[in-house]
């Protein structure tokens, strides 16, 4: 669910959209002009929030917190590409049947069944699903995962 597109916006709302406690410490960008790790601006980098100073809460209007699924192959040798999913799911290992995969970090363009099956090599990174084997995800025409399988390499 995206943040409000107008009116008052609070740090607690931005935290909640990102799957964090509403009362989590939430500096807007930190003490320098470059957003620092842990700041709201840096946290929403993948959602298209401007990373150049000055910063304001209005930059978060309509933002959806997304997470990235990296180095994904599909079709007949296409990729690697990055895809996105709702950040409230957490790390990629938490993806499940019914979750939607998107082509953009704003979560407005779900992939369709022309991608057929997605594949990803194993990794211990939070952007990968399987740590001990390859990943195969099948999606439907709405971008929803219909099956998800890790398999040995």
N, C-alpha and C. Protein backbone atom coordinates (compact mmCIF):
# COMPACT_ATOMS: atom_id res chain seq x y z
N UNK A 1 0.85 -1.17 0.00
CA UNK A 1 0.00 0.00 0.00
C UNK A 1 0.90 1.23 0.00
N UNK A 2 0.62 2.18 -0.83
CA UNK A 2 1.45 3.36 -0.97
C UNK A 2 1.15 4.38 0.12
N UNK A 3 2.09 5.27 0.33
CA UNK A 3 1.92 6.38 1.26
C UNK A 3 0.92 7.37 0.66
N UNK A 4 0.33 8.25 1.49
CA UNK A 4 -0.62 9.24 0.95
C UNK A 4 0.03 10.08 -0.15
N UNK A 5 -0.78 10.52 -1.11
CA UNK A 5 -0.25 11.32 -2.20
C UNK A 5 -0.42 12.82 -1.97
N UNK A 6 -1.03 13.19 -0.84
CA UNK A 6 -1.16 14.60 -0.48
C UNK A 6 -1.45 14.69 1.01
N UNK A 7 -1.42 15.92 1.51
CA UNK A 7 -1.72 16.15 2.93
C UNK A 7 -0.53 15.87 3.82
N UNK A 8 -0.83 15.75 5.10
CA UNK A 8 0.23 15.51 6.08
C UNK A 8 0.78 14.09 5.94
N UNK A 9 2.07 13.99 6.07
CA UNK A 9 2.73 12.69 6.06
C UNK A 9 3.71 12.67 7.23
N UNK A 10 3.73 11.58 7.96
CA UNK A 10 4.53 11.47 9.17
C UNK A 10 5.60 10.39 9.03
N UNK A 11 6.66 10.54 9.82
CA UNK A 11 7.72 9.54 9.85
C UNK A 11 7.16 8.17 10.23
N UNK A 12 6.16 8.15 11.12
CA UNK A 12 5.58 6.87 11.53
C UNK A 12 4.92 6.16 10.35
N UNK A 13 4.29 6.91 9.43
CA UNK A 13 3.68 6.31 8.25
C UNK A 13 4.76 5.76 7.30
N UNK A 14 5.83 6.52 7.14
CA UNK A 14 6.92 6.11 6.26
C UNK A 14 7.57 4.84 6.82
N UNK A 15 7.76 4.79 8.14
CA UNK A 15 8.31 3.59 8.78
C UNK A 15 7.40 2.40 8.57
N UNK A 16 6.11 2.57 8.79
CA UNK A 16 5.15 1.47 8.67
C UNK A 16 5.12 0.92 7.24
N UNK A 17 5.13 1.80 6.24
CA UNK A 17 5.14 1.37 4.84
C UNK A 17 6.38 0.53 4.54
N UNK A 18 7.49 0.85 5.23
CA UNK A 18 8.74 0.12 5.02
C UNK A 18 8.81 -1.16 5.84
N UNK A 19 7.73 -1.49 6.56
CA UNK A 19 7.70 -2.72 7.34
C UNK A 19 8.43 -2.59 8.66
N UNK A 20 8.70 -1.37 9.08
CA UNK A 20 9.38 -1.12 10.35
C UNK A 20 8.37 -0.71 11.40
N UNK A 21 8.78 -0.73 12.66
CA UNK A 21 7.93 -0.23 13.74
C UNK A 21 7.64 1.24 13.47
N UNK A 22 6.40 1.66 13.72
CA UNK A 22 6.05 3.06 13.48
C UNK A 22 6.88 4.01 14.34
N UNK A 23 7.40 3.52 15.45
CA UNK A 23 8.17 4.37 16.36
C UNK A 23 9.69 4.20 16.17
N UNK A 24 10.12 3.50 15.13
CA UNK A 24 11.55 3.32 14.87
C UNK A 24 12.22 4.68 14.66
N UNK A 25 13.48 4.78 15.09
CA UNK A 25 14.22 6.02 14.86
C UNK A 25 14.22 6.30 13.37
N UNK A 26 13.89 7.54 13.00
CA UNK A 26 13.68 7.84 11.59
C UNK A 26 14.25 9.19 11.19
N UNK A 27 15.59 9.33 11.17
CA UNK A 27 16.13 10.59 10.65
C UNK A 27 15.79 10.70 9.17
N UNK A 28 15.50 11.91 8.72
CA UNK A 28 15.11 12.09 7.33
C UNK A 28 16.24 11.68 6.39
N UNK A 29 17.45 12.25 6.59
CA UNK A 29 18.56 11.87 5.69
C UNK A 29 19.89 11.75 6.41
N UNK A 30 19.96 12.11 7.67
CA UNK A 30 21.23 12.07 8.40
C UNK A 30 21.86 13.45 8.45
N UNK A 31 23.11 13.49 8.84
CA UNK A 31 23.77 14.77 9.09
C UNK A 31 24.57 15.31 7.91
N UNK A 32 24.49 14.66 6.75
CA UNK A 32 25.21 15.17 5.58
C UNK A 32 24.24 15.32 4.42
N UNK A 33 24.70 15.90 3.34
CA UNK A 33 23.84 16.07 2.17
C UNK A 33 23.61 14.75 1.44
N UNK A 34 24.45 13.76 1.68
CA UNK A 34 24.28 12.43 1.12
C UNK A 34 23.50 11.59 2.11
N UNK A 35 22.37 11.02 1.73
CA UNK A 35 21.58 10.22 2.67
C UNK A 35 22.41 9.11 3.30
N UNK A 36 22.31 8.99 4.60
CA UNK A 36 23.09 8.01 5.33
C UNK A 36 22.29 6.74 5.59
N UNK A 37 23.00 5.63 5.75
CA UNK A 37 22.36 4.34 6.04
C UNK A 37 21.45 4.50 7.25
N UNK A 38 20.27 3.94 7.19
CA UNK A 38 19.31 4.02 8.28
C UNK A 38 18.37 5.20 8.18
N UNK A 39 18.68 6.16 7.30
CA UNK A 39 17.78 7.30 7.14
C UNK A 39 16.61 6.90 6.25
N UNK A 40 15.51 7.63 6.39
CA UNK A 40 14.33 7.33 5.58
C UNK A 40 14.61 7.53 4.09
N UNK A 41 15.32 8.59 3.75
CA UNK A 41 15.62 8.85 2.34
C UNK A 41 16.43 7.69 1.75
N UNK A 42 17.45 7.22 2.44
CA UNK A 42 18.28 6.10 1.95
C UNK A 42 17.46 4.82 1.88
N UNK A 43 16.62 4.60 2.89
CA UNK A 43 15.78 3.40 2.94
C UNK A 43 14.87 3.32 1.71
N UNK A 44 14.40 4.46 1.23
CA UNK A 44 13.47 4.50 0.10
C UNK A 44 14.16 4.78 -1.23
N UNK A 45 15.46 4.59 -1.29
CA UNK A 45 16.21 4.84 -2.52
C UNK A 45 15.62 4.05 -3.69
N UNK A 46 15.29 2.79 -3.47
CA UNK A 46 14.74 1.94 -4.52
C UNK A 46 13.31 2.29 -4.90
N UNK A 47 12.65 3.12 -4.10
CA UNK A 47 11.28 3.52 -4.38
C UNK A 47 11.22 4.85 -5.13
N UNK A 48 12.39 5.36 -5.50
CA UNK A 48 12.42 6.57 -6.30
C UNK A 48 12.47 7.87 -5.52
N UNK A 49 12.66 7.82 -4.18
CA UNK A 49 12.77 9.05 -3.41
C UNK A 49 14.10 9.72 -3.77
N UNK A 50 14.04 11.00 -4.05
CA UNK A 50 15.20 11.79 -4.46
C UNK A 50 16.34 11.65 -3.46
N UNK A 51 17.52 11.33 -3.93
CA UNK A 51 18.68 11.13 -3.06
C UNK A 51 19.56 12.38 -2.97
N UNK A 52 19.13 13.48 -3.58
CA UNK A 52 19.90 14.73 -3.55
C UNK A 52 19.26 15.72 -2.59
N UNK A 53 20.10 16.37 -1.77
CA UNK A 53 19.62 17.38 -0.82
C UNK A 53 19.12 18.60 -1.58
N UNK A 54 18.25 19.38 -0.99
CA UNK A 54 17.64 19.21 0.34
C UNK A 54 16.50 18.20 0.29
N UNK A 55 16.16 17.66 1.46
CA UNK A 55 15.13 16.63 1.57
C UNK A 55 13.92 17.16 2.33
N UNK A 56 12.76 16.59 2.02
CA UNK A 56 11.54 16.93 2.76
C UNK A 56 10.60 15.73 2.75
N UNK A 57 9.67 15.74 3.68
CA UNK A 57 8.71 14.63 3.75
C UNK A 57 7.83 14.54 2.51
N UNK A 58 7.65 15.65 1.80
CA UNK A 58 6.81 15.61 0.60
C UNK A 58 7.40 14.71 -0.48
N UNK A 59 8.69 14.40 -0.41
CA UNK A 59 9.31 13.49 -1.39
C UNK A 59 8.72 12.08 -1.30
N UNK A 60 8.07 11.78 -0.19
CA UNK A 60 7.53 10.44 0.03
C UNK A 60 6.08 10.31 -0.44
N UNK A 61 5.45 11.40 -0.92
CA UNK A 61 4.07 11.32 -1.39
C UNK A 61 3.92 10.21 -2.42
N UNK A 62 2.99 9.31 -2.16
CA UNK A 62 2.66 8.25 -3.09
C UNK A 62 3.68 7.13 -3.20
N UNK A 63 4.76 7.21 -2.42
CA UNK A 63 5.81 6.19 -2.51
C UNK A 63 5.34 4.85 -1.96
N UNK A 64 5.78 3.80 -2.59
CA UNK A 64 5.57 2.44 -2.10
C UNK A 64 6.94 1.89 -1.77
N UNK A 65 7.07 1.31 -0.62
CA UNK A 65 8.35 0.73 -0.25
C UNK A 65 8.51 -0.58 -0.99
N UNK A 66 9.60 -0.70 -1.70
CA UNK A 66 9.83 -1.92 -2.45
C UNK A 66 11.17 -2.52 -2.07
N UNK A 67 11.28 -3.80 -2.33
CA UNK A 67 12.55 -4.51 -2.18
C UNK A 67 12.90 -5.07 -3.54
N UNK A 68 14.16 -5.38 -3.70
CA UNK A 68 14.64 -5.80 -5.01
C UNK A 68 14.98 -7.29 -5.04
N UNK A 69 14.69 -7.91 -6.14
CA UNK A 69 15.03 -9.30 -6.42
C UNK A 69 16.06 -9.22 -7.54
N UNK A 70 17.33 -9.50 -7.23
CA UNK A 70 18.42 -9.24 -8.18
C UNK A 70 18.79 -10.44 -9.04
N UNK A 71 19.45 -10.11 -10.15
CA UNK A 71 20.05 -11.11 -11.04
C UNK A 71 19.09 -12.23 -11.43
N UNK A 72 17.95 -11.84 -11.95
CA UNK A 72 16.91 -12.79 -12.34
C UNK A 72 16.98 -13.01 -13.86
N UNK A 73 16.92 -14.28 -14.25
CA UNK A 73 16.89 -14.68 -15.65
C UNK A 73 15.48 -15.16 -15.97
N UNK A 74 15.08 -15.02 -17.25
CA UNK A 74 13.74 -15.44 -17.64
C UNK A 74 13.72 -15.74 -19.13
N UNK A 75 12.63 -16.37 -19.54
CA UNK A 75 12.48 -16.69 -20.97
C UNK A 75 13.63 -17.56 -21.45
N UNK A 76 14.06 -17.31 -22.66
CA UNK A 76 15.15 -18.09 -23.24
C UNK A 76 16.45 -17.31 -23.15
N UNK A 77 16.99 -17.24 -21.95
CA UNK A 77 18.29 -16.61 -21.76
C UNK A 77 18.27 -15.10 -21.56
N UNK A 78 17.11 -14.51 -21.25
CA UNK A 78 17.06 -13.08 -20.99
C UNK A 78 17.50 -12.79 -19.56
N UNK A 79 18.14 -11.65 -19.37
CA UNK A 79 18.59 -11.27 -18.04
C UNK A 79 20.11 -11.27 -18.00
N UNK A 80 20.72 -11.04 -16.87
CA UNK A 80 19.99 -10.87 -15.61
C UNK A 80 19.36 -9.48 -15.51
N UNK A 81 18.19 -9.43 -14.92
CA UNK A 81 17.47 -8.19 -14.64
C UNK A 81 17.09 -8.18 -13.17
N UNK A 82 16.73 -7.01 -12.70
CA UNK A 82 16.24 -6.86 -11.34
C UNK A 82 14.74 -6.64 -11.38
N UNK A 83 14.05 -7.24 -10.43
CA UNK A 83 12.61 -7.06 -10.29
C UNK A 83 12.33 -6.64 -8.85
N UNK A 84 11.09 -6.26 -8.57
CA UNK A 84 10.75 -5.68 -7.27
C UNK A 84 9.52 -6.33 -6.68
N UNK A 85 9.38 -6.18 -5.37
CA UNK A 85 8.21 -6.69 -4.67
C UNK A 85 7.94 -5.81 -3.46
N UNK A 86 6.77 -5.96 -2.86
CA UNK A 86 6.36 -5.15 -1.72
C UNK A 86 7.34 -5.33 -0.57
N UNK A 87 7.87 -4.24 -0.08
CA UNK A 87 8.87 -4.28 0.97
C UNK A 87 8.39 -4.84 2.29
N UNK A 88 7.08 -4.83 2.52
CA UNK A 88 6.57 -5.37 3.79
C UNK A 88 6.78 -6.88 3.88
N UNK A 89 7.10 -7.54 2.77
CA UNK A 89 7.36 -8.98 2.76
C UNK A 89 8.67 -9.28 3.47
N UNK A 90 9.60 -8.33 3.44
CA UNK A 90 10.92 -8.55 4.05
C UNK A 90 11.90 -9.04 3.00
N UNK A 91 12.93 -9.74 3.45
CA UNK A 91 13.93 -10.25 2.52
C UNK A 91 13.30 -11.19 1.50
N UNK A 92 13.96 -11.36 0.37
CA UNK A 92 13.43 -12.17 -0.73
C UNK A 92 13.10 -13.60 -0.32
N UNK A 93 13.78 -14.12 0.68
CA UNK A 93 13.53 -15.49 1.13
C UNK A 93 12.09 -15.67 1.63
N UNK A 94 11.42 -14.56 1.94
CA UNK A 94 10.04 -14.61 2.44
C UNK A 94 8.98 -14.57 1.35
N UNK A 95 9.39 -14.46 0.09
CA UNK A 95 8.41 -14.46 -1.00
C UNK A 95 7.61 -15.76 -0.98
N UNK A 96 6.32 -15.66 -1.34
CA UNK A 96 5.44 -16.82 -1.29
C UNK A 96 4.43 -16.75 -2.43
N UNK A 97 3.75 -17.86 -2.66
CA UNK A 97 2.69 -17.92 -3.66
C UNK A 97 1.68 -16.81 -3.35
N UNK A 98 1.30 -16.07 -4.39
CA UNK A 98 0.35 -14.97 -4.25
C UNK A 98 1.01 -13.60 -4.22
N UNK A 99 2.28 -13.53 -3.83
CA UNK A 99 2.99 -12.25 -3.85
C UNK A 99 3.18 -11.82 -5.30
N UNK A 100 3.23 -10.51 -5.52
CA UNK A 100 3.33 -9.97 -6.88
C UNK A 100 4.73 -9.44 -7.13
N UNK A 101 5.25 -9.74 -8.32
CA UNK A 101 6.56 -9.28 -8.76
C UNK A 101 6.34 -8.15 -9.77
N UNK A 102 7.13 -7.07 -9.65
CA UNK A 102 6.99 -5.89 -10.49
C UNK A 102 8.26 -5.62 -11.28
N UNK A 103 8.11 -4.88 -12.38
CA UNK A 103 9.27 -4.48 -13.17
C UNK A 103 9.86 -3.16 -12.69
N UNK A 104 9.14 -2.43 -11.85
CA UNK A 104 9.59 -1.11 -11.41
C UNK A 104 9.54 -0.98 -9.89
N UNK A 105 10.42 -0.14 -9.36
CA UNK A 105 10.52 0.03 -7.90
C UNK A 105 9.32 0.75 -7.31
N UNK A 106 8.53 1.45 -8.12
CA UNK A 106 7.33 2.12 -7.63
C UNK A 106 6.17 1.13 -7.46
N UNK A 107 6.38 -0.10 -7.87
CA UNK A 107 5.37 -1.18 -7.77
C UNK A 107 4.09 -0.83 -8.53
N UNK A 108 4.25 -0.29 -9.73
CA UNK A 108 3.08 0.04 -10.54
C UNK A 108 2.93 -0.86 -11.77
N UNK A 109 3.99 -1.60 -12.13
CA UNK A 109 3.95 -2.44 -13.33
C UNK A 109 4.26 -3.89 -13.00
N UNK A 110 3.21 -4.67 -12.70
CA UNK A 110 3.48 -6.09 -12.43
C UNK A 110 4.00 -6.78 -13.69
N UNK A 111 4.89 -7.75 -13.50
CA UNK A 111 5.31 -8.52 -14.66
C UNK A 111 4.11 -9.33 -15.12
N UNK A 112 4.16 -9.83 -16.33
CA UNK A 112 3.06 -10.64 -16.81
C UNK A 112 3.57 -12.03 -17.17
N UNK A 113 2.66 -12.88 -17.63
CA UNK A 113 3.05 -14.26 -17.88
C UNK A 113 3.95 -14.42 -19.11
N UNK A 114 4.24 -13.33 -19.82
CA UNK A 114 5.20 -13.45 -20.92
C UNK A 114 6.61 -13.73 -20.37
N UNK A 115 6.82 -13.42 -19.08
CA UNK A 115 8.10 -13.76 -18.46
C UNK A 115 8.15 -15.25 -18.11
N UNK A 116 6.98 -15.90 -18.10
CA UNK A 116 6.84 -17.32 -17.81
C UNK A 116 7.48 -17.68 -16.48
N UNK A 117 8.70 -18.11 -16.52
CA UNK A 117 9.39 -18.58 -15.32
C UNK A 117 10.62 -17.73 -15.07
N UNK A 118 10.82 -17.38 -13.81
CA UNK A 118 11.99 -16.61 -13.40
C UNK A 118 12.98 -17.55 -12.73
N UNK A 119 14.25 -17.32 -12.97
CA UNK A 119 15.31 -18.14 -12.37
C UNK A 119 16.32 -17.22 -11.69
N UNK A 120 16.91 -17.72 -10.61
CA UNK A 120 17.93 -16.97 -9.89
C UNK A 120 18.93 -17.94 -9.29
N UNK A 121 20.21 -17.59 -9.40
CA UNK A 121 21.25 -18.42 -8.80
C UNK A 121 21.26 -18.24 -7.28
N UNK A 122 21.79 -19.21 -6.55
CA UNK A 122 21.81 -19.12 -5.09
C UNK A 122 22.77 -18.04 -4.58
N UNK A 123 22.45 -17.50 -3.42
CA UNK A 123 23.29 -16.49 -2.77
C UNK A 123 22.82 -16.34 -1.33
N UNK A 124 23.67 -15.78 -0.50
CA UNK A 124 23.28 -15.47 0.88
C UNK A 124 22.82 -14.03 1.02
N UNK A 125 22.67 -13.32 -0.08
CA UNK A 125 22.23 -11.92 -0.06
C UNK A 125 20.73 -11.85 0.22
N UNK A 126 20.26 -10.76 0.86
CA UNK A 126 18.82 -10.62 1.13
C UNK A 126 18.00 -10.39 -0.13
N UNK A 127 18.67 -10.22 -1.28
CA UNK A 127 17.98 -10.00 -2.55
C UNK A 127 17.77 -11.29 -3.33
N UNK A 128 18.13 -12.41 -2.74
CA UNK A 128 17.92 -13.71 -3.38
C UNK A 128 17.04 -14.58 -2.50
N UNK A 129 16.37 -15.53 -3.12
CA UNK A 129 15.41 -16.38 -2.41
C UNK A 129 16.07 -17.63 -1.85
N UNK A 130 16.89 -18.29 -2.64
CA UNK A 130 17.45 -19.58 -2.25
C UNK A 130 18.93 -19.44 -1.91
N UNK A 131 19.33 -20.00 -0.78
CA UNK A 131 20.73 -19.91 -0.38
C UNK A 131 21.52 -21.14 -0.79
N UNK A 132 20.86 -22.28 -0.93
CA UNK A 132 21.56 -23.54 -1.21
C UNK A 132 21.32 -24.10 -2.60
N UNK A 133 20.56 -23.40 -3.41
CA UNK A 133 20.27 -23.90 -4.74
C UNK A 133 19.62 -22.82 -5.58
N UNK A 134 19.33 -23.16 -6.82
CA UNK A 134 18.71 -22.21 -7.72
C UNK A 134 17.25 -22.00 -7.39
N UNK A 135 16.70 -20.93 -7.92
CA UNK A 135 15.30 -20.57 -7.71
C UNK A 135 14.55 -20.65 -9.02
N UNK A 136 13.32 -21.16 -8.94
CA UNK A 136 12.39 -21.12 -10.06
C UNK A 136 11.08 -20.56 -9.54
N UNK A 137 10.63 -19.46 -10.13
CA UNK A 137 9.34 -18.85 -9.78
C UNK A 137 8.48 -18.81 -11.04
N UNK A 138 7.27 -19.30 -10.94
CA UNK A 138 6.30 -19.18 -12.03
C UNK A 138 5.31 -18.08 -11.64
N UNK A 139 4.92 -17.26 -12.62
CA UNK A 139 3.99 -16.16 -12.38
C UNK A 139 2.81 -16.23 -13.34
N UNK A 140 1.70 -15.61 -12.94
CA UNK A 140 0.54 -15.57 -13.82
C UNK A 140 0.49 -14.22 -14.54
N UNK A 141 -0.58 -13.96 -15.27
CA UNK A 141 -0.69 -12.75 -16.08
C UNK A 141 -0.78 -11.48 -15.25
N UNK A 142 -1.02 -11.60 -13.95
CA UNK A 142 -1.09 -10.43 -13.06
C UNK A 142 0.20 -10.22 -12.28
N UNK A 143 1.22 -11.03 -12.56
CA UNK A 143 2.48 -10.91 -11.85
C UNK A 143 2.53 -11.65 -10.53
N UNK A 144 1.45 -12.35 -10.19
CA UNK A 144 1.40 -13.08 -8.92
C UNK A 144 2.16 -14.40 -9.04
N UNK A 145 2.91 -14.72 -8.00
CA UNK A 145 3.65 -15.97 -7.97
C UNK A 145 2.65 -17.12 -7.85
N UNK A 146 2.78 -18.11 -8.76
CA UNK A 146 1.91 -19.29 -8.69
C UNK A 146 2.65 -20.50 -8.14
N UNK A 147 3.97 -20.50 -8.26
CA UNK A 147 4.78 -21.55 -7.63
C UNK A 147 6.19 -21.00 -7.41
N UNK A 148 6.82 -21.49 -6.37
CA UNK A 148 8.16 -21.06 -6.04
C UNK A 148 8.93 -22.27 -5.54
N UNK A 149 10.07 -22.54 -6.15
CA UNK A 149 10.83 -23.74 -5.82
C UNK A 149 12.33 -23.45 -5.79
N UNK A 150 12.98 -23.98 -4.77
CA UNK A 150 14.43 -23.97 -4.72
C UNK A 150 14.88 -25.37 -5.12
N UNK A 151 15.93 -25.44 -5.92
CA UNK A 151 16.40 -26.75 -6.38
C UNK A 151 17.93 -26.79 -6.29
N UNK A 152 18.50 -27.97 -6.03
CA UNK A 152 19.95 -28.08 -5.92
C UNK A 152 20.64 -27.80 -7.24
N UNK A 153 21.82 -27.25 -7.15
CA UNK A 153 22.65 -27.01 -8.34
C UNK A 153 23.56 -28.18 -8.55
